[in-house]
Amino acid sequence: MRLEAKPNGTTKYVAQISGFGFLSAHLNLSDRPKESRTSSVLRVEGFDTNSATETVSVKWPEISFGPGDVVHLQLLIDVDGHERQLSAREALHRQAREAELR
């Protein structure tokens, strides 16, 4: 599974976990007046659970944002060894097909 982080139209990285695991992206906005601090960051992390005895935690670099910046996350998948983008419409159709098969 892959997750592309693309702030303001520029790809910063593609986070990837091969096999079993989890990927998560959190956009954290904070305003801490008592500490005179505001923050807007994207944090991406993953957990590789392929091993029966351990879980490996992976963190990608934080991306800072400011007012007016655009946060773009895109899901990418592998199909027959070739990277292909999965649109929201395709994701919904895929979920529907999987639900029918259950």
PDB file of N, CA and C in Angstrom:
ATOM      1  N   MET A   1       0.847  -1.171   0.000  1.00  0.00           N
ATOM      2  CA  MET A   1       0.000   0.000   0.000  1.00  0.00           C
ATOM      3  C   MET A   1       0.890   1.231   0.000  1.00  0.00           C
ATOM      4  N   ARG A   2       0.408   2.276  -0.667  1.00  0.00           N
ATOM      5  CA  ARG A   2       1.191   3.495  -0.828  1.00  0.00           C
ATOM      6  C   ARG A   2       0.318   4.721  -0.579  1.00  0.00           C
ATOM      7  N   LEU A   3       0.942   5.753  -0.046  1.00  0.00           N
ATOM      8  CA  LEU A   3       0.280   7.019   0.200  1.00  0.00           C
ATOM      9  C   LEU A   3       1.234   8.133  -0.216  1.00  0.00           C
ATOM     10  N   GLU A   4       0.800   8.938  -1.187  1.00  0.00           N
ATOM     11  CA  GLU A   4       1.635  10.026  -1.680  1.00  0.00           C
ATOM     12  C   GLU A   4       1.271  11.326  -0.965  1.00  0.00           C
ATOM     13  N   ALA A   5       2.273  11.997  -0.406  1.00  0.00           N
ATOM     14  CA  ALA A   5       2.085  13.310   0.223  1.00  0.00           C
ATOM     15  C   ALA A   5       2.563  14.358  -0.774  1.00  0.00           C
ATOM     16  N   LYS A   6       1.631  15.235  -1.163  1.00  0.00           N
ATOM     17  CA  LYS A   6       1.913  16.187  -2.235  1.00  0.00           C
ATOM     18  C   LYS A   6       1.452  17.587  -1.822  1.00  0.00           C
ATOM     19  N   PRO A   7       2.241  18.296  -1.011  1.00  0.00           N
ATOM     20  CA  PRO A   7       1.848  19.646  -0.614  1.00  0.00           C
ATOM     21  C   PRO A   7       2.067  20.652  -1.742  1.00  0.00           C
ATOM     22  N   ASN A   8       1.067  21.491  -1.970  1.00  0.00           N
ATOM     23  CA  ASN A   8       1.156  22.551  -2.978  1.00  0.00           C
ATOM     24  C   ASN A   8       1.612  22.045  -4.347  1.00  0.00           C
ATOM     25  N   GLY A   9       1.180  20.824  -4.704  1.00  0.00           N
ATOM     26  CA  GLY A   9       1.457  20.281  -6.033  1.00  0.00           C
ATOM     27  C   GLY A   9       2.814  19.640  -6.221  1.00  0.00           C
ATOM     28  N   THR A  10       3.624  19.550  -5.160  1.00  0.00           N
ATOM     29  CA  THR A  10       4.962  18.959  -5.273  1.00  0.00           C
ATOM     30  C   THR A  10       5.045  17.705  -4.410  1.00  0.00           C
ATOM     31  N   THR A  11       5.368  16.565  -5.018  1.00  0.00           N
ATOM     32  CA  THR A  11       5.479  15.334  -4.256  1.00  0.00           C
ATOM     33  C   THR A  11       6.671  15.412  -3.314  1.00  0.00           C
ATOM     34  N   LYS A  12       6.401  15.243  -2.005  1.00  0.00           N
ATOM     35  CA  LYS A  12       7.474  15.207  -1.004  1.00  0.00           C
ATOM     36  C   LYS A  12       7.981  13.787  -0.812  1.00  0.00           C
ATOM     37  N   TYR A  13       7.036  12.836  -0.766  1.00  0.00           N
ATOM     38  CA  TYR A  13       7.415  11.431  -0.633  1.00  0.00           C
ATOM     39  C   TYR A  13       6.201  10.545  -0.881  1.00  0.00           C
ATOM     40  N   VAL A  14       6.495   9.262  -1.097  1.00  0.00           N
ATOM     41  CA  VAL A  14       5.472   8.229  -1.164  1.00  0.00           C
ATOM     42  C   VAL A  14       5.757   7.271  -0.023  1.00  0.00           C
ATOM     43  N   ALA A  15       4.866   7.241   0.949  1.00  0.00           N
ATOM     44  CA  ALA A  15       4.997   6.321   2.076  1.00  0.00           C
ATOM     45  C   ALA A  15       4.498   4.955   1.624  1.00  0.00           C
ATOM     46  N   GLN A  16       5.216   3.900   2.003  1.00  0.00           N
ATOM     47  CA  GLN A  16       4.838   2.563   1.534  1.00  0.00           C
ATOM     48  C   GLN A  16       5.080   1.516   2.613  1.00  0.00           C
ATOM     49  N   ILE A  17       4.116   0.619   2.750  1.00  0.00           N
ATOM     50  CA  ILE A  17       4.254  -0.589   3.563  1.00  0.00           C
ATOM     51  C   ILE A  17       3.948  -1.749   2.629  1.00  0.00           C
ATOM     52  N   SER A  18       4.874  -2.679   2.505  1.00  0.00           N
ATOM     53  CA  SER A  18       4.666  -3.854   1.651  1.00  0.00           C
ATOM     54  C   SER A  18       4.068  -4.974   2.483  1.00  0.00           C
ATOM     55  N   GLY A  19       3.040  -5.601   1.961  1.00  0.00           N
ATOM     56  CA  GLY A  19       2.413  -6.703   2.678  1.00  0.00           C
ATOM     57  C   GLY A  19       1.429  -6.198   3.718  1.00  0.00           C
ATOM     58  N   PHE A  20       1.471  -6.815   4.902  1.00  0.00           N
ATOM     59  CA  PHE A  20       0.516  -6.487   5.960  1.00  0.00           C
ATOM     60  C   PHE A  20       0.972  -5.269   6.754  1.00  0.00           C
ATOM     61  N   GLY A  21       0.007  -4.452   7.152  1.00  0.00           N
ATOM     62  CA  GLY A  21       0.348  -3.306   7.977  1.00  0.00           C
ATOM     63  C   GLY A  21      -0.668  -2.196   7.862  1.00  0.00           C
ATOM     64  N   PHE A  22      -0.271  -1.016   8.311  1.00  0.00           N
ATOM     65  CA  PHE A  22      -1.132   0.157   8.347  1.00  0.00           C
ATOM     66  C   PHE A  22      -0.340   1.379   7.909  1.00  0.00           C
ATOM     67  N   LEU A  23      -1.000   2.296   7.241  1.00  0.00           N
ATOM     68  CA  LEU A  23      -0.457   3.624   6.956  1.00  0.00           C
ATOM     69  C   LEU A  23      -1.469   4.632   7.471  1.00  0.00           C
ATOM     70  N   SER A  24      -0.987   5.701   8.079  1.00  0.00           N
ATOM     71  CA  SER A  24      -1.909   6.748   8.514  1.00  0.00           C
ATOM     72  C   SER A  24      -1.298   8.115   8.264  1.00  0.00           C
ATOM     73  N   ALA A  25      -2.170   9.069   7.986  1.00  0.00           N
ATOM     74  CA  ALA A  25      -1.758  10.450   7.778  1.00  0.00           C
ATOM     75  C   ALA A  25      -2.626  11.326   8.673  1.00  0.00           C
ATOM     76  N   HIS A  26      -1.988  12.223   9.397  1.00  0.00           N
ATOM     77  CA  HIS A  26      -2.695  13.120  10.304  1.00  0.00           C
ATOM     78  C   HIS A  26      -2.303  14.550   9.995  1.00  0.00           C
ATOM     79  N   LEU A  27      -3.295  15.376   9.722  1.00  0.00           N
ATOM     80  CA  LEU A  27      -3.065  16.801   9.559  1.00  0.00           C
ATOM     81  C   LEU A  27      -3.380  17.425  10.909  1.00  0.00           C
ATOM     82  N   ASN A  28      -2.367  17.939  11.563  1.00  0.00           N
ATOM     83  CA  ASN A  28      -2.510  18.485  12.908  1.00  0.00           C
ATOM     84  C   ASN A  28      -2.405  20.000  12.874  1.00  0.00           C
ATOM     85  N   LEU A  29      -3.491  20.645  13.291  1.00  0.00           N
ATOM     86  CA  LEU A  29      -3.518  22.094  13.389  1.00  0.00           C
ATOM     87  C   LEU A  29      -3.638  22.433  14.874  1.00  0.00           C
ATOM     88  N   SER A  30      -2.744  23.294  15.369  1.00  0.00           N
ATOM     89  CA  SER A  30      -2.818  23.650  16.784  1.00  0.00           C
ATOM     90  C   SER A  30      -2.578  25.137  16.975  1.00  0.00           C
ATOM     91  N   ASP A  31      -3.265  25.678  17.952  1.00  0.00           N
ATOM     92  CA  ASP A  31      -3.095  27.067  18.352  1.00  0.00           C
ATOM     93  C   ASP A  31      -2.960  27.058  19.868  1.00  0.00           C
ATOM     94  N   ARG A  32      -1.763  27.344  20.354  1.00  0.00           N
ATOM     95  CA  ARG A  32      -1.466  27.282  21.784  1.00  0.00           C
ATOM     96  C   ARG A  32      -1.098  28.680  22.287  1.00  0.00           C
ATOM     97  N   PRO A  33      -2.107  29.527  22.563  1.00  0.00           N
ATOM     98  CA  PRO A  33      -1.828  30.913  22.948  1.00  0.00           C
ATOM     99  C   PRO A  33      -0.954  31.044  24.196  1.00  0.00           C
ATOM    100  N   LYS A  34      -1.146  30.162  25.178  1.00  0.00           N
ATOM    101  CA  LYS A  34      -0.347  30.252  26.405  1.00  0.00           C
ATOM    102  C   LYS A  34       1.128  29.992  26.131  1.00  0.00           C
ATOM    103  N   GLU A  35       1.399  29.233  25.076  1.00  0.00           N
ATOM    104  CA  GLU A  35       2.781  28.922  24.705  1.00  0.00           C
ATOM    105  C   GLU A  35       3.257  29.778  23.537  1.00  0.00           C
ATOM    106  N   SER A  36       2.395  30.694  23.068  1.00  0.00           N
ATOM    107  CA  SER A  36       2.701  31.542  21.907  1.00  0.00           C
ATOM    108  C   SER A  36       3.149  30.702  20.715  1.00  0.00           C
ATOM    109  N   ARG A  37       2.372  29.660  20.438  1.00  0.00           N
ATOM    110  CA  ARG A  37       2.758  28.739  19.369  1.00  0.00           C
ATOM    111  C   ARG A  37       1.549  28.310  18.556  1.00  0.00           C
ATOM    112  N   THR A  38       1.695  28.364  17.233  1.00  0.00           N
ATOM    113  CA  THR A  38       0.712  27.776  16.328  1.00  0.00           C
ATOM    114  C   THR A  38       1.465  26.804  15.430  1.00  0.00           C
ATOM    115  N   SER A  39       0.741  25.800  14.951  1.00  0.00           N
ATOM    116  CA  SER A  39       1.398  24.769  14.155  1.00  0.00           C
ATOM    117  C   SER A  39       0.417  24.164  13.168  1.00  0.00           C
ATOM    118  N   SER A  40       0.897  23.854  11.973  1.00  0.00           N
ATOM    119  CA  SER A  40       0.121  23.143  10.943  1.00  0.00           C
ATOM    120  C   SER A  40       1.067  22.152  10.296  1.00  0.00           C
ATOM    121  N   VAL A  41       0.962  20.884  10.662  1.00  0.00           N
ATOM    122  CA  VAL A  41       1.878  19.878  10.123  1.00  0.00           C
ATOM    123  C   VAL A  41       1.126  18.623   9.703  1.00  0.00           C
ATOM    124  N   LEU A  42       1.667  17.955   8.691  1.00  0.00           N
ATOM    125  CA  LEU A  42       1.175  16.653   8.255  1.00  0.00           C
ATOM    126  C   LEU A  42       2.166  15.614   8.774  1.00  0.00           C
ATOM    127  N   ARG A  43       1.638  14.624   9.469  1.00  0.00           N
ATOM    128  CA  ARG A  43       2.468  13.532   9.974  1.00  0.00           C
ATOM    129  C   ARG A  43       1.986  12.226   9.335  1.00  0.00           C
ATOM    130  N   VAL A  44       2.917  11.479   8.760  1.00  0.00           N
ATOM    131  CA  VAL A  44       2.597  10.191   8.145  1.00  0.00           C
ATOM    132  C   VAL A  44       3.421   9.123   8.848  1.00  0.00           C
ATOM    133  N   GLU A  45       2.748   8.048   9.244  1.00  0.00           N
ATOM    134  CA  GLU A  45       3.465   6.938   9.862  1.00  0.00           C
ATOM    135  C   GLU A  45       2.851   5.619   9.433  1.00  0.00           C
ATOM    136  N   GLY A  46       3.622   4.583   9.587  1.00  0.00           N
ATOM    137  CA  GLY A  46       3.158   3.265   9.198  1.00  0.00           C
ATOM    138  C   GLY A  46       3.595   2.218  10.189  1.00  0.00           C
ATOM    139  N   PHE A  47       2.907   1.096  10.170  1.00  0.00           N
ATOM    140  CA  PHE A  47       3.239  -0.041  11.012  1.00  0.00           C
ATOM    141  C   PHE A  47       3.275  -1.282  10.128  1.00  0.00           C
ATOM    142  N   ASP A  48       4.463  -1.870  10.016  1.00  0.00           N
ATOM    143  CA  ASP A  48       4.672  -3.086   9.233  1.00  0.00           C
ATOM    144  C   ASP A  48       4.418  -4.267  10.160  1.00  0.00           C
ATOM    145  N   THR A  49       3.369  -5.061   9.864  1.00  0.00           N
ATOM    146  CA  THR A  49       3.002  -6.187  10.726  1.00  0.00           C
ATOM    147  C   THR A  49       3.233  -7.531  10.036  1.00  0.00           C
ATOM    148  N   ASN A  50       4.202  -7.587   9.129  1.00  0.00           N
ATOM    149  CA  ASN A  50       4.478  -8.827   8.403  1.00  0.00           C
ATOM    150  C   ASN A  50       5.094  -9.907   9.283  1.00  0.00           C
ATOM    151  N   SER A  51       5.835  -9.507  10.300  1.00  0.00           N
ATOM    152  CA  SER A  51       6.494 -10.466  11.173  1.00  0.00           C
ATOM    153  C   SER A  51       5.519 -10.975  12.236  1.00  0.00           C
ATOM    154  N   ALA A  52       5.626 -12.256  12.538  1.00  0.00           N
ATOM    155  CA  ALA A  52       4.763 -12.842  13.566  1.00  0.00           C
ATOM    156  C   ALA A  52       5.208 -12.441  14.975  1.00  0.00           C
ATOM    157  N   THR A  53       6.439 -11.951  15.107  1.00  0.00           N
ATOM    158  CA  THR A  53       6.972 -11.661  16.433  1.00  0.00           C
ATOM    159  C   THR A  53       7.172 -10.180  16.754  1.00  0.00           C
ATOM    160  N   GLU A  54       7.074  -9.303  15.744  1.00  0.00           N
ATOM    161  CA  GLU A  54       7.273  -7.884  16.030  1.00  0.00           C
ATOM    162  C   GLU A  54       6.525  -7.010  15.027  1.00  0.00           C
ATOM    163  N   THR A  55       6.238  -5.791  15.455  1.00  0.00           N
ATOM    164  CA  THR A  55       5.656  -4.766  14.599  1.00  0.00           C
ATOM    165  C   THR A  55       6.689  -3.664  14.441  1.00  0.00           C
ATOM    166  N   VAL A  56       6.954  -3.283  13.207  1.00  0.00           N
ATOM    167  CA  VAL A  56       7.949  -2.253  12.930  1.00  0.00           C
ATOM    168  C   VAL A  56       7.226  -0.933  12.661  1.00  0.00           C
ATOM    169  N   SER A  57       7.600   0.106  13.407  1.00  0.00           N
ATOM    170  CA  SER A  57       7.020   1.429  13.245  1.00  0.00           C
ATOM    171  C   SER A  57       7.921   2.263  12.340  1.00  0.00           C
ATOM    172  N   VAL A  58       7.304   2.948  11.374  1.00  0.00           N
ATOM    173  CA  VAL A  58       8.055   3.788  10.430  1.00  0.00           C
ATOM    174  C   VAL A  58       7.409   5.168  10.418  1.00  0.00           C
ATOM    175  N   LYS A  59       8.241   6.223  10.484  1.00  0.00           N
ATOM    176  CA  LYS A  59       7.722   7.592  10.413  1.00  0.00           C
ATOM    177  C   LYS A  59       8.437   8.328   9.295  1.00  0.00           C
ATOM    178  N   TRP A  60       7.648   9.089   8.519  1.00  0.00           N
ATOM    179  CA  TRP A  60       8.196   9.919   7.455  1.00  0.00           C
ATOM    180  C   TRP A  60       8.345  11.344   7.989  1.00  0.00           C
ATOM    181  N   PRO A  61       9.151  12.172   7.338  1.00  0.00           N
ATOM    182  CA  PRO A  61       9.359  13.543   7.830  1.00  0.00           C
ATOM    183  C   PRO A  61       8.054  14.348   7.865  1.00  0.00           C
ATOM    184  N   GLU A  62       7.915  15.169   8.896  1.00  0.00           N
ATOM    185  CA  GLU A  62       6.756  16.058   8.990  1.00  0.00           C
ATOM    186  C   GLU A  62       6.829  17.103   7.887  1.00  0.00           C
ATOM    187  N   ILE A  63       5.651  17.509   7.417  1.00  0.00           N
ATOM    188  CA  ILE A  63       5.564  18.574   6.416  1.00  0.00           C
ATOM    189  C   ILE A  63       4.797  19.722   7.062  1.00  0.00           C
ATOM    190  N   SER A  64       5.413  20.890   7.119  1.00  0.00           N
ATOM    191  CA  SER A  64       4.772  22.068   7.704  1.00  0.00           C
ATOM    192  C   SER A  64       3.971  22.825   6.640  1.00  0.00           C
ATOM    193  N   PHE A  65       2.868  23.430   7.077  1.00  0.00           N
ATOM    194  CA  PHE A  65       1.997  24.182   6.187  1.00  0.00           C
ATOM    195  C   PHE A  65       1.725  25.558   6.763  1.00  0.00           C
ATOM    196  N   GLY A  66       1.309  26.452   5.891  1.00  0.00           N
ATOM    197  CA  GLY A  66       0.900  27.790   6.297  1.00  0.00           C
ATOM    198  C   GLY A  66      -0.449  28.112   5.690  1.00  0.00           C
ATOM    199  N   PRO A  67      -1.012  29.272   6.023  1.00  0.00           N
ATOM    200  CA  PRO A  67      -2.311  29.667   5.464  1.00  0.00           C
ATOM    201  C   PRO A  67      -2.277  29.664   3.931  1.00  0.00           C
ATOM    202  N   GLY A  68      -3.314  29.097   3.330  1.00  0.00           N
ATOM    203  CA  GLY A  68      -3.420  29.059   1.873  1.00  0.00           C
ATOM    204  C   GLY A  68      -2.754  27.859   1.220  1.00  0.00           C
ATOM    205  N   ASP A  69      -1.943  27.110   1.970  1.00  0.00           N
ATOM    206  CA  ASP A  69      -1.301  25.918   1.406  1.00  0.00           C
ATOM    207  C   ASP A  69      -2.344  24.844   1.126  1.00  0.00           C
ATOM    208  N   VAL A  70      -2.041  23.984   0.154  1.00  0.00           N
ATOM    209  CA  VAL A  70      -2.937  22.898  -0.231  1.00  0.00           C
ATOM    210  C   VAL A  70      -2.307  21.575   0.213  1.00  0.00           C
ATOM    211  N   VAL A  71      -3.115  20.764   0.894  1.00  0.00           N
ATOM    212  CA  VAL A  71      -2.672  19.449   1.351  1.00  0.00           C
ATOM    213  C   VAL A  71      -3.308  18.413   0.437  1.00  0.00           C
ATOM    214  N   HIS A  72      -2.484  17.644  -0.282  1.00  0.00           N
ATOM    215  CA  HIS A  72      -2.997  16.641  -1.217  1.00  0.00           C
ATOM    216  C   HIS A  72      -2.426  15.283  -0.821  1.00  0.00           C
ATOM    217  N   LEU A  73      -3.314  14.342  -0.499  1.00  0.00           N
ATOM    218  CA  LEU A  73      -2.918  12.963  -0.225  1.00  0.00           C
ATOM    219  C   LEU A  73      -3.554  12.092  -1.290  1.00  0.00           C
ATOM    220  N   GLN A  74      -2.774  11.180  -1.839  1.00  0.00           N
ATOM    221  CA  GLN A  74      -3.313  10.309  -2.879  1.00  0.00           C
ATOM    222  C   GLN A  74      -2.955   8.870  -2.559  1.00  0.00           C
ATOM    223  N   LEU A  75      -3.953   7.994  -2.666  1.00  0.00           N
ATOM    224  CA  LEU A  75      -3.730   6.569  -2.470  1.00  0.00           C
ATOM    225  C   LEU A  75      -3.210   5.971  -3.764  1.00  0.00           C
ATOM    226  N   LEU A  76      -2.160   5.180  -3.665  1.00  0.00           N
ATOM    227  CA  LEU A  76      -1.585   4.491  -4.814  1.00  0.00           C
ATOM    228  C   LEU A  76      -1.578   3.001  -4.517  1.00  0.00           C
ATOM    229  N   ILE A  77      -1.774   2.195  -5.539  1.00  0.00           N
ATOM    230  CA  ILE A  77      -1.734   0.739  -5.356  1.00  0.00           C
ATOM    231  C   ILE A  77      -0.854   0.119  -6.430  1.00  0.00           C
ATOM    232  N   ASP A  78      -0.486  -1.139  -6.236  1.00  0.00           N
ATOM    233  CA  ASP A  78       0.234  -1.909  -7.240  1.00  0.00           C
ATOM    234  C   ASP A  78      -0.754  -2.825  -7.940  1.00  0.00           C
ATOM    235  N   VAL A  79      -0.696  -2.848  -9.258  1.00  0.00           N
ATOM    236  CA  VAL A  79      -1.509  -3.767 -10.050  1.00  0.00           C
ATOM    237  C   VAL A  79      -0.553  -4.512 -10.968  1.00  0.00           C
ATOM    238  N   ASP A  80      -0.429  -5.809 -10.777  1.00  0.00           N
ATOM    239  CA  ASP A  80       0.476  -6.636 -11.579  1.00  0.00           C
ATOM    240  C   ASP A  80       1.887  -6.036 -11.643  1.00  0.00           C
ATOM    241  N   GLY A  81       2.339  -5.532 -10.485  1.00  0.00           N
ATOM    242  CA  GLY A  81       3.698  -5.012 -10.418  1.00  0.00           C
ATOM    243  C   GLY A  81       3.865  -3.601 -10.941  1.00  0.00           C
ATOM    244  N   HIS A  82       2.816  -2.973 -11.463  1.00  0.00           N
ATOM    245  CA  HIS A  82       2.906  -1.616 -11.981  1.00  0.00           C
ATOM    246  C   HIS A  82       2.136  -0.671 -11.065  1.00  0.00           C
ATOM    247  N   GLU A  83       2.748   0.460 -10.743  1.00  0.00           N
ATOM    248  CA  GLU A  83       2.072   1.451  -9.908  1.00  0.00           C
ATOM    249  C   GLU A  83       0.942   2.090 -10.699  1.00  0.00           C
ATOM    250  N   ARG A  84      -0.199   2.246 -10.058  1.00  0.00           N
ATOM    251  CA  ARG A  84      -1.359   2.861 -10.691  1.00  0.00           C
ATOM    252  C   ARG A  84      -2.101   3.661  -9.634  1.00  0.00           C
ATOM    253  N   GLN A  85      -2.636   4.781 -10.010  1.00  0.00           N
ATOM    254  CA  GLN A  85      -3.390   5.602  -9.076  1.00  0.00           C
ATOM    255  C   GLN A  85      -4.793   5.035  -8.938  1.00  0.00           C
ATOM    256  N   LEU A  86      -5.324   5.094  -7.728  1.00  0.00           N
ATOM    257  CA  LEU A  86      -6.677   4.632  -7.458  1.00  0.00           C
ATOM    258  C   LEU A  86      -7.546   5.852  -7.168  1.00  0.00           C
ATOM    259  N   SER A  87      -8.461   6.147  -8.072  1.00  0.00           N
ATOM    260  CA  SER A  87      -9.331   7.304  -7.880  1.00  0.00           C
ATOM    261  C   SER A  87     -10.381   6.976  -6.832  1.00  0.00           C
ATOM    262  N   ALA A  88     -11.022   8.009  -6.304  1.00  0.00           N
ATOM    263  CA  ALA A  88     -12.066   7.813  -5.302  1.00  0.00           C
ATOM    264  C   ALA A  88     -13.205   6.977  -5.868  1.00  0.00           C
ATOM    265  N   ARG A  89     -13.563   7.218  -7.138  1.00  0.00           N
ATOM    266  CA  ARG A  89     -14.639   6.450  -7.775  1.00  0.00           C
ATOM    267  C   ARG A  89     -14.260   4.973  -7.873  1.00  0.00           C
ATOM    268  N   GLU A  90     -13.009   4.693  -8.287  1.00  0.00           N
ATOM    269  CA  GLU A  90     -12.565   3.306  -8.380  1.00  0.00           C
ATOM    270  C   GLU A  90     -12.564   2.642  -7.008  1.00  0.00           C
ATOM    271  N   ALA A  91     -12.176   3.388  -5.985  1.00  0.00           N
ATOM    272  CA  ALA A  91     -12.152   2.837  -4.631  1.00  0.00           C
ATOM    273  C   ALA A  91     -13.562   2.442  -4.193  1.00  0.00           C
ATOM    274  N   LEU A  92     -14.560   3.283  -4.484  1.00  0.00           N
ATOM    275  CA  LEU A  92     -15.937   2.968  -4.118  1.00  0.00           C
ATOM    276  C   LEU A  92     -16.447   1.747  -4.874  1.00  0.00           C
ATOM    277  N   HIS A  93     -16.153   1.668  -6.182  1.00  0.00           N
ATOM    278  CA  HIS A  93     -16.570   0.501  -6.972  1.00  0.00           C
ATOM    279  C   HIS A  93     -15.891  -0.767  -6.461  1.00  0.00           C
ATOM    280  N   ARG A  94     -14.638  -0.651  -6.107  1.00  0.00           N
ATOM    281  CA  ARG A  94     -13.895  -1.810  -5.592  1.00  0.00           C
ATOM    282  C   ARG A  94     -14.508  -2.296  -4.280  1.00  0.00           C
ATOM    283  N   GLN A  95     -14.841  -1.362  -3.386  1.00  0.00           N
ATOM    284  CA  GLN A  95     -15.469  -1.736  -2.123  1.00  0.00           C
ATOM    285  C   GLN A  95     -16.815  -2.402  -2.364  1.00  0.00           C
ATOM    286  N   ALA A  96     -17.591  -1.887  -3.308  1.00  0.00           N
ATOM    287  CA  ALA A  96     -18.892  -2.469  -3.615  1.00  0.00           C
ATOM    288  C   ALA A  96     -18.746  -3.896  -4.137  1.00  0.00           C
ATOM    289  N   ARG A  97     -17.775  -4.096  -5.034  1.00  0.00           N
ATOM    290  CA  ARG A  97     -17.541  -5.456  -5.574  1.00  0.00           C
ATOM    291  C   ARG A  97     -17.126  -6.412  -4.471  1.00  0.00           C
ATOM    292  N   GLU A  98     -16.244  -5.953  -3.580  1.00  0.00           N
ATOM    293  CA  GLU A  98     -15.791  -6.818  -2.482  1.00  0.00           C
ATOM    294  C   GLU A  98     -16.953  -7.170  -1.553  1.00  0.00           C
ATOM    295  N   ALA A  99     -17.846  -6.196  -1.307  1.00  0.00           N
ATOM    296  CA  ALA A  99     -18.998  -6.441  -0.456  1.00  0.00           C
ATOM    297  C   ALA A  99     -19.940  -7.458  -1.086  1.00  0.00           C
ATOM    298  N   GLU A 100     -20.087  -7.411  -2.409  1.00  0.00           N
ATOM    299  CA  GLU A 100     -20.946  -8.378  -3.114  1.00  0.00           C
ATOM    300  C   GLU A 100     -20.406  -9.788  -3.005  1.00  0.00           C
ATOM    301  N   LEU A 101     -19.089  -9.931  -2.977  1.00  0.00           N
ATOM    302  CA  LEU A 101     -18.466 -11.249  -2.930  1.00  0.00           C
ATOM    303  C   LEU A 101     -18.560 -11.903  -1.557  1.00  0.00           C
ATOM    304  N   ARG A 102     -18.866 -11.115  -0.549  1.00  0.00           N
ATOM    305  CA  ARG A 102     -18.947 -11.660   0.837  1.00  0.00           C
ATOM    306  C   ARG A 102     -20.232 -12.395   1.066  1.00  0.00           C
TER     307      ARG A 102
END
